[in-house]
Amino acid sequence: MAKDASNKRLGKGLAALIGDMDRSPAPPAVAVDDPDLSALVKYDRSVPIEQVTNNANNPRRQFRVSELEELANSIAEHGIVQPILVRPKGQNRYEVIAGERRWRAAQKAGLHEVPVVIRDVDDREALELAIIENVQRSDLNPIEEALGYQQLIDDHKYKQADLGKVIGKSRSHVANTLRLLKLPVNVRSMLSEGSLSSGHARALITLDNPESLAKRVVAEGLSVRETEMLAARGDIDSDSKQKPKPVKDADTRALESSISDALGMKVSITHRPNGKGRLMIDYKSLEQLDSLAERLKK
């Protein structure tokens, strides 16, 4: 597609994009079978579902089984409300550009044909459309969205600002989304699964060990604000007891033992690098505490 034609599509929705890409008059539109929706949705034609294949470059990778089942039940009862956008892929073969979830659910519902809008677009335009539709419908998790942006940058030499215009997002949104790919694989998995939000993930990016705080965020259900505060302080561990305890030298242990024997109570001594420290005495009853207080007074 020419550059000026691409610019005309900036910021538009998927329906407008489909209209802008017409290269020749479309076949007569046929309304969907649902009478309540026949005036709302038009499509080019219906094609046998076995002639449609998925797109390996679809930015959406995860399809929840429960959601597919719900959609399949709806399709079995009402049909496909929104047609699947496809492109020709050989003779009587089509590849999904946008609507793979509907295509998968239609298979589950046992449909023999699916309504499609056919557009002859190249790989770049197909990926653009797939990202635009999924982002507008909030179907992509943050990592899928970031991988889609990165693919457009790597394969089609997009600049972040230009990419933002094409998909209708700000440059800062594109940049912040791409930064998520710097996170370790385990943290990215938490983000893909929904255990972490994008806000949580952005707070973790600058840490040397973001996985530790990510696990704490999930375990304790921390808010984005709480995560930001902990990341700023470098407070990663959820419990000081989990931190390795310093090994006490022989002299300290001997002194603890000597005082414990003299008092009849457990004693713990902690030295700090600055020469200061802490003496902790455990008592088992108020009587022991009173006895200690009397001895100290003397």
Protein backbone atom coordinates (compact mmCIF):
# COMPACT_ATOMS: atom_id res chain seq x y z
CA MET A 1 0.00 0.00 0.00
CA ALA A 2 1.28 3.47 -0.82
CA LYS A 3 2.43 5.74 1.98
CA ASP A 4 -0.30 8.34 1.41
CA ALA A 5 -2.97 5.64 1.46
CA SER A 6 -1.57 4.39 4.74
CA ASN A 7 -1.75 7.87 6.26
CA LYS A 8 -5.45 8.16 5.42
CA ARG A 9 -6.14 5.22 7.70
CA LEU A 10 -4.49 6.65 10.79
CA GLY A 11 -6.63 6.56 13.89
CA LYS A 12 -9.63 4.94 12.21
CA GLY A 13 -11.57 1.95 13.44
CA LEU A 14 -11.50 -1.46 11.80
CA ALA A 15 -14.81 -0.96 9.97
CA ALA A 16 -13.50 2.26 8.40
CA LEU A 17 -10.23 0.59 7.49
CA ILE A 18 -12.02 -2.21 5.68
CA GLY A 19 -13.93 0.37 3.66
CA ASP A 20 -10.80 2.36 2.83
CA MET A 21 -9.02 -0.71 1.50
CA ASP A 22 -11.55 -1.53 -1.18
CA ARG A 23 -9.78 -1.86 -4.50
CA SER A 24 -12.83 -2.88 -6.51
CA PRO A 25 -16.57 -3.05 -5.93
CA ALA A 26 -17.34 -5.75 -3.38
CA PRO A 27 -19.75 -8.54 -4.18
CA PRO A 28 -23.34 -7.86 -3.20
CA ALA A 29 -23.57 -7.69 0.58
CA VAL A 30 -25.56 -10.40 2.27
CA ALA A 31 -27.06 -9.88 5.69
CA VAL A 32 -26.29 -12.26 8.54
CA ASP A 33 -28.87 -14.90 9.31
CA ASP A 34 -29.96 -13.37 12.63
CA PRO A 35 -33.04 -11.24 11.73
CA ASP A 36 -32.42 -8.86 14.64
CA LEU A 37 -29.00 -7.97 13.27
CA SER A 38 -29.56 -8.19 9.52
CA ALA A 39 -29.67 -4.40 9.16
CA LEU A 40 -26.47 -3.86 11.12
CA VAL A 41 -23.82 -6.18 9.68
CA LYS A 42 -22.95 -6.87 6.05
CA TYR A 43 -20.36 -9.24 4.64
CA ASP A 44 -18.93 -10.26 1.27
CA ARG A 45 -19.89 -13.91 1.28
CA SER A 46 -19.95 -17.14 3.26
CA VAL A 47 -17.18 -19.66 2.67
CA PRO A 48 -16.69 -23.24 3.88
CA ILE A 49 -14.97 -23.11 7.24
CA GLU A 50 -12.37 -25.68 6.16
CA GLN A 51 -11.15 -23.20 3.51
CA VAL A 52 -10.15 -20.73 6.25
CA THR A 53 -6.87 -21.03 8.14
CA ASN A 54 -5.41 -19.04 10.99
CA ASN A 55 -2.54 -16.60 10.59
CA ALA A 56 0.75 -17.66 12.22
CA ASN A 57 1.59 -13.97 12.71
CA ASN A 58 -1.57 -13.15 14.62
CA PRO A 59 -0.43 -11.08 17.62
CA ARG A 60 -2.99 -12.81 19.79
CA ARG A 61 -1.53 -16.06 21.13
CA GLN A 62 -3.79 -16.98 24.04
CA PHE A 63 -7.39 -18.13 23.64
CA ARG A 64 -9.05 -19.05 26.93
CA VAL A 65 -10.98 -22.29 26.69
CA SER A 66 -13.86 -20.99 28.82
CA GLU A 67 -14.28 -17.90 26.64
CA LEU A 68 -14.20 -19.98 23.45
CA GLU A 69 -16.87 -22.28 24.88
CA GLU A 70 -19.12 -19.32 25.74
CA LEU A 71 -18.68 -17.80 22.29
CA ALA A 72 -19.26 -21.16 20.62
CA ASN A 73 -22.56 -21.52 22.49
CA SER A 74 -23.59 -18.02 21.41
CA ILE A 75 -22.63 -18.72 17.79
CA ALA A 76 -24.56 -22.00 17.81
CA GLU A 77 -27.67 -20.10 18.89
CA HIS A 78 -27.33 -16.76 17.04
CA GLY A 79 -24.70 -17.29 14.34
CA ILE A 80 -21.63 -15.11 13.80
CA VAL A 81 -22.63 -11.48 14.34
CA GLN A 82 -19.38 -9.88 13.13
CA PRO A 83 -17.82 -11.37 9.98
CA ILE A 84 -14.24 -12.60 9.90
CA LEU A 85 -11.75 -10.46 8.00
CA VAL A 86 -9.65 -12.67 5.70
CA ARG A 87 -7.28 -12.42 2.76
CA PRO A 88 -6.85 -14.80 -0.20
CA LYS A 89 -4.22 -17.47 0.37
CA GLY A 90 -4.18 -19.64 -2.74
CA GLN A 91 -7.14 -20.91 -4.74
CA ASN A 92 -10.28 -21.13 -2.61
CA ARG A 93 -8.18 -20.67 0.51
CA TYR A 94 -8.31 -17.78 2.97
CA GLU A 95 -6.19 -16.66 5.91
CA VAL A 96 -7.66 -14.91 8.95
CA ILE A 97 -6.58 -11.31 9.39
CA ALA A 98 -8.92 -10.41 12.25
CA GLY A 99 -11.43 -12.62 14.02
CA GLU A 100 -9.48 -15.78 14.83
CA ARG A 101 -11.37 -16.22 18.10
CA ARG A 102 -14.68 -16.19 16.20
CA TRP A 103 -13.24 -18.66 13.67
CA ARG A 104 -12.10 -21.02 16.44
CA ALA A 105 -15.45 -20.76 18.24
CA ALA A 106 -17.31 -21.39 14.97
CA GLN A 107 -15.39 -24.66 14.60
CA LYS A 108 -16.40 -25.64 18.12
CA ALA A 109 -20.01 -24.75 17.32
CA GLY A 110 -19.92 -27.06 14.29
CA LEU A 111 -20.54 -24.41 11.64
CA HIS A 112 -19.92 -25.51 8.06
CA GLU A 113 -19.65 -21.97 6.67
CA VAL A 114 -18.55 -18.61 8.07
CA PRO A 115 -19.29 -15.05 6.89
CA VAL A 116 -16.16 -13.27 5.70
CA VAL A 117 -14.96 -9.92 4.43
CA ILE A 118 -12.21 -10.59 1.87
CA ARG A 119 -9.40 -8.08 1.38
CA ASP A 120 -6.21 -8.59 -0.62
CA VAL A 121 -3.55 -7.08 1.65
CA ASP A 122 0.15 -7.73 2.21
CA ASP A 123 1.79 -9.04 5.39
CA ARG A 124 2.34 -5.59 6.85
CA GLU A 125 -1.24 -4.45 6.34
CA ALA A 126 -2.55 -7.76 7.67
CA LEU A 127 -0.53 -7.38 10.86
CA GLU A 128 -1.61 -3.76 11.26
CA LEU A 129 -5.26 -4.72 10.96
CA ALA A 130 -4.89 -7.64 13.36
CA ILE A 131 -3.29 -5.41 15.99
CA ILE A 132 -5.81 -2.60 15.51
CA GLU A 133 -8.80 -4.90 15.89
CA ASN A 134 -7.41 -6.70 18.91
CA VAL A 135 -6.28 -3.51 20.65
CA GLN A 136 -9.65 -1.82 20.07
CA ARG A 137 -11.46 -4.87 21.43
CA SER A 138 -8.95 -5.23 24.33
CA ASP A 139 -8.36 -8.81 23.23
CA LEU A 140 -4.57 -8.69 23.50
CA ASN A 141 -2.71 -9.10 26.77
CA PRO A 142 0.12 -6.56 27.21
CA ILE A 143 2.86 -8.98 26.10
CA GLU A 144 0.97 -9.98 22.94
CA GLU A 145 0.47 -6.29 22.17
CA ALA A 146 4.18 -5.58 22.71
CA LEU A 147 5.24 -8.51 20.51
CA GLY A 148 2.92 -7.29 17.75
CA TYR A 149 4.46 -3.81 17.89
CA GLN A 150 7.96 -5.28 17.89
CA GLN A 151 7.16 -7.41 14.86
CA LEU A 152 6.01 -4.36 12.91
CA ILE A 153 9.22 -2.57 13.89
CA ASP A 154 11.49 -5.52 13.06
CA ASP A 155 9.82 -6.70 9.85
CA HIS A 156 8.54 -3.43 8.42
CA LYS A 157 10.97 -0.81 9.80
CA TYR A 158 8.40 1.25 11.68
CA LYS A 159 9.42 4.10 13.96
CA GLN A 160 7.58 4.23 17.29
CA ALA A 161 5.89 7.54 16.47
CA ASP A 162 4.67 6.27 13.08
CA LEU A 163 3.49 3.04 14.63
CA GLY A 164 1.49 4.98 17.22
CA LYS A 165 -0.29 6.90 14.45
CA VAL A 166 -1.13 3.73 12.53
CA ILE A 167 -2.69 1.96 15.51
CA GLY A 168 -4.24 5.07 17.03
CA LYS A 169 -2.06 5.15 20.16
CA SER A 170 0.39 7.68 21.53
CA ARG A 171 4.11 7.25 21.06
CA SER A 172 4.54 6.97 24.84
CA HIS A 173 2.01 4.12 24.94
CA VAL A 174 3.95 2.27 22.25
CA ALA A 175 7.27 2.90 24.02
CA ASN A 176 5.98 1.82 27.44
CA THR A 177 4.40 -1.31 25.97
CA LEU A 178 7.61 -2.28 24.19
CA ARG A 179 9.59 -1.88 27.44
CA LEU A 180 7.62 -4.80 28.89
CA LEU A 181 9.62 -7.12 26.64
CA LYS A 182 12.71 -6.36 28.78
CA LEU A 183 11.18 -8.26 31.71
CA PRO A 184 12.29 -11.83 32.50
CA VAL A 185 10.29 -14.65 30.95
CA ASN A 186 8.63 -15.62 34.26
CA VAL A 187 7.42 -12.07 34.89
CA ARG A 188 6.16 -11.79 31.32
CA SER A 189 4.20 -15.00 31.89
CA MET A 190 2.54 -13.47 34.99
CA LEU A 191 1.61 -10.47 32.85
CA SER A 192 0.23 -12.63 30.04
CA GLU A 193 -1.84 -14.67 32.51
CA GLY A 194 -3.28 -11.54 34.12
CA SER A 195 -1.61 -12.01 37.51
CA LEU A 196 0.17 -8.69 36.96
CA SER A 197 -1.15 -5.57 35.26
CA SER A 198 0.81 -3.34 32.91
CA GLY A 199 1.12 -0.79 35.71
CA HIS A 200 2.70 -3.37 38.00
CA ALA A 201 5.05 -4.50 35.25
CA ARG A 202 6.24 -0.99 34.42
CA ALA A 203 7.19 -0.50 38.07
CA LEU A 204 9.35 -3.64 37.94
CA ILE A 205 11.31 -2.89 34.76
CA THR A 206 14.11 -0.90 36.39
CA LEU A 207 14.82 -3.49 39.11
CA ASP A 208 17.83 -5.80 38.96
CA ASN A 209 15.65 -8.69 40.12
CA PRO A 210 12.05 -7.89 39.12
CA GLU A 211 10.91 -11.51 39.60
CA SER A 212 11.22 -11.32 43.40
CA LEU A 213 8.96 -8.31 43.71
CA ALA A 214 6.60 -9.70 41.06
CA LYS A 215 6.07 -12.81 43.18
CA ARG A 216 5.39 -10.64 46.22
CA VAL A 217 2.90 -8.51 44.28
CA VAL A 218 0.97 -11.62 43.26
CA ALA A 219 1.17 -13.29 46.69
CA GLU A 220 0.06 -10.21 48.64
CA GLY A 221 -2.24 -8.65 46.05
CA LEU A 222 -0.34 -5.35 46.11
CA SER A 223 -1.67 -2.34 44.24
CA VAL A 224 0.28 -0.59 41.50
CA ARG A 225 1.01 2.31 43.88
CA GLU A 226 2.32 -0.03 46.56
CA THR A 227 4.48 -1.79 43.98
CA GLU A 228 5.91 1.53 42.79
CA MET A 229 6.77 2.53 46.36
CA LEU A 230 8.48 -0.79 47.08
CA ALA A 231 10.41 -0.64 43.81
CA ALA A 232 11.56 2.91 44.56
CA ARG A 233 12.81 1.84 48.01
CA GLY A 234 14.32 -1.36 46.71
CA ASP A 235 12.24 -3.25 49.29
CA ILE A 236 11.91 -6.54 47.46
CA ASP A 237 11.49 -9.29 50.05
CA SER A 238 8.09 -9.76 51.64
CA ASP A 239 9.44 -10.94 54.99
CA SER A 240 12.72 -10.13 56.67
CA LYS A 241 12.78 -13.68 57.97
CA GLN A 242 13.30 -14.82 54.41
CA LYS A 243 16.57 -12.88 54.19
CA PRO A 244 19.70 -14.85 55.00
CA LYS A 245 20.74 -14.30 58.60
CA PRO A 246 24.33 -13.18 59.19
CA VAL A 247 26.57 -15.80 60.76
CA LYS A 248 27.62 -14.81 64.31
CA ASP A 249 31.23 -15.13 65.31
CA ALA A 250 32.38 -17.40 68.16
CA ASP A 251 32.89 -14.53 70.61
CA THR A 252 29.32 -13.28 70.15
CA ARG A 253 27.88 -16.74 70.61
CA ALA A 254 29.98 -17.26 73.78
CA LEU A 255 28.79 -13.93 75.21
CA GLU A 256 25.16 -14.83 74.46
CA SER A 257 25.61 -18.15 76.26
CA SER A 258 27.28 -16.54 79.27
CA ILE A 259 24.55 -13.92 79.77
CA SER A 260 21.80 -16.49 79.19
CA ASP A 261 23.23 -18.72 81.89
CA ALA A 262 23.50 -15.82 84.30
CA LEU A 263 19.93 -14.60 83.73
CA GLY A 264 18.24 -17.92 83.09
CA MET A 265 16.71 -16.39 79.93
CA LYS A 266 17.38 -16.61 76.22
CA VAL A 267 19.65 -13.79 75.02
CA SER A 268 20.43 -12.64 71.49
CA ILE A 269 23.10 -10.13 70.51
CA THR A 270 23.23 -8.42 67.11
CA HIS A 271 26.23 -6.35 66.03
CA ARG A 272 26.04 -3.65 63.36
CA PRO A 273 28.92 -2.48 61.14
CA ASN A 274 28.89 0.98 62.78
CA GLY A 275 29.74 -0.54 66.17
CA LYS A 276 26.21 -0.27 67.55
CA GLY A 277 24.04 -3.28 68.27
CA ARG A 278 21.06 -4.80 70.02
CA LEU A 279 20.70 -7.00 73.09
CA MET A 280 17.43 -8.95 73.16
CA ILE A 281 16.24 -10.88 76.22
CA ASP A 282 13.28 -13.25 76.00
CA TYR A 283 11.24 -13.81 79.15
CA LYS A 284 8.66 -16.54 79.61
CA SER A 285 6.47 -14.86 82.23
CA LEU A 286 5.85 -11.59 84.04
CA GLU A 287 7.53 -13.09 87.07
CA GLN A 288 10.74 -13.52 85.06
CA LEU A 289 10.47 -9.94 83.87
CA ASP A 290 9.99 -8.65 87.44
CA SER A 291 12.98 -10.69 88.56
CA LEU A 292 15.13 -9.27 85.80
CA ALA A 293 14.06 -5.73 86.64
CA GLU A 294 15.01 -6.22 90.31
CA ARG A 295 18.41 -7.59 89.38
CA LEU A 296 19.10 -4.68 87.05
CA LYS A 297 18.20 -2.19 89.78
CA LYS A 298 20.86 -3.72 92.02
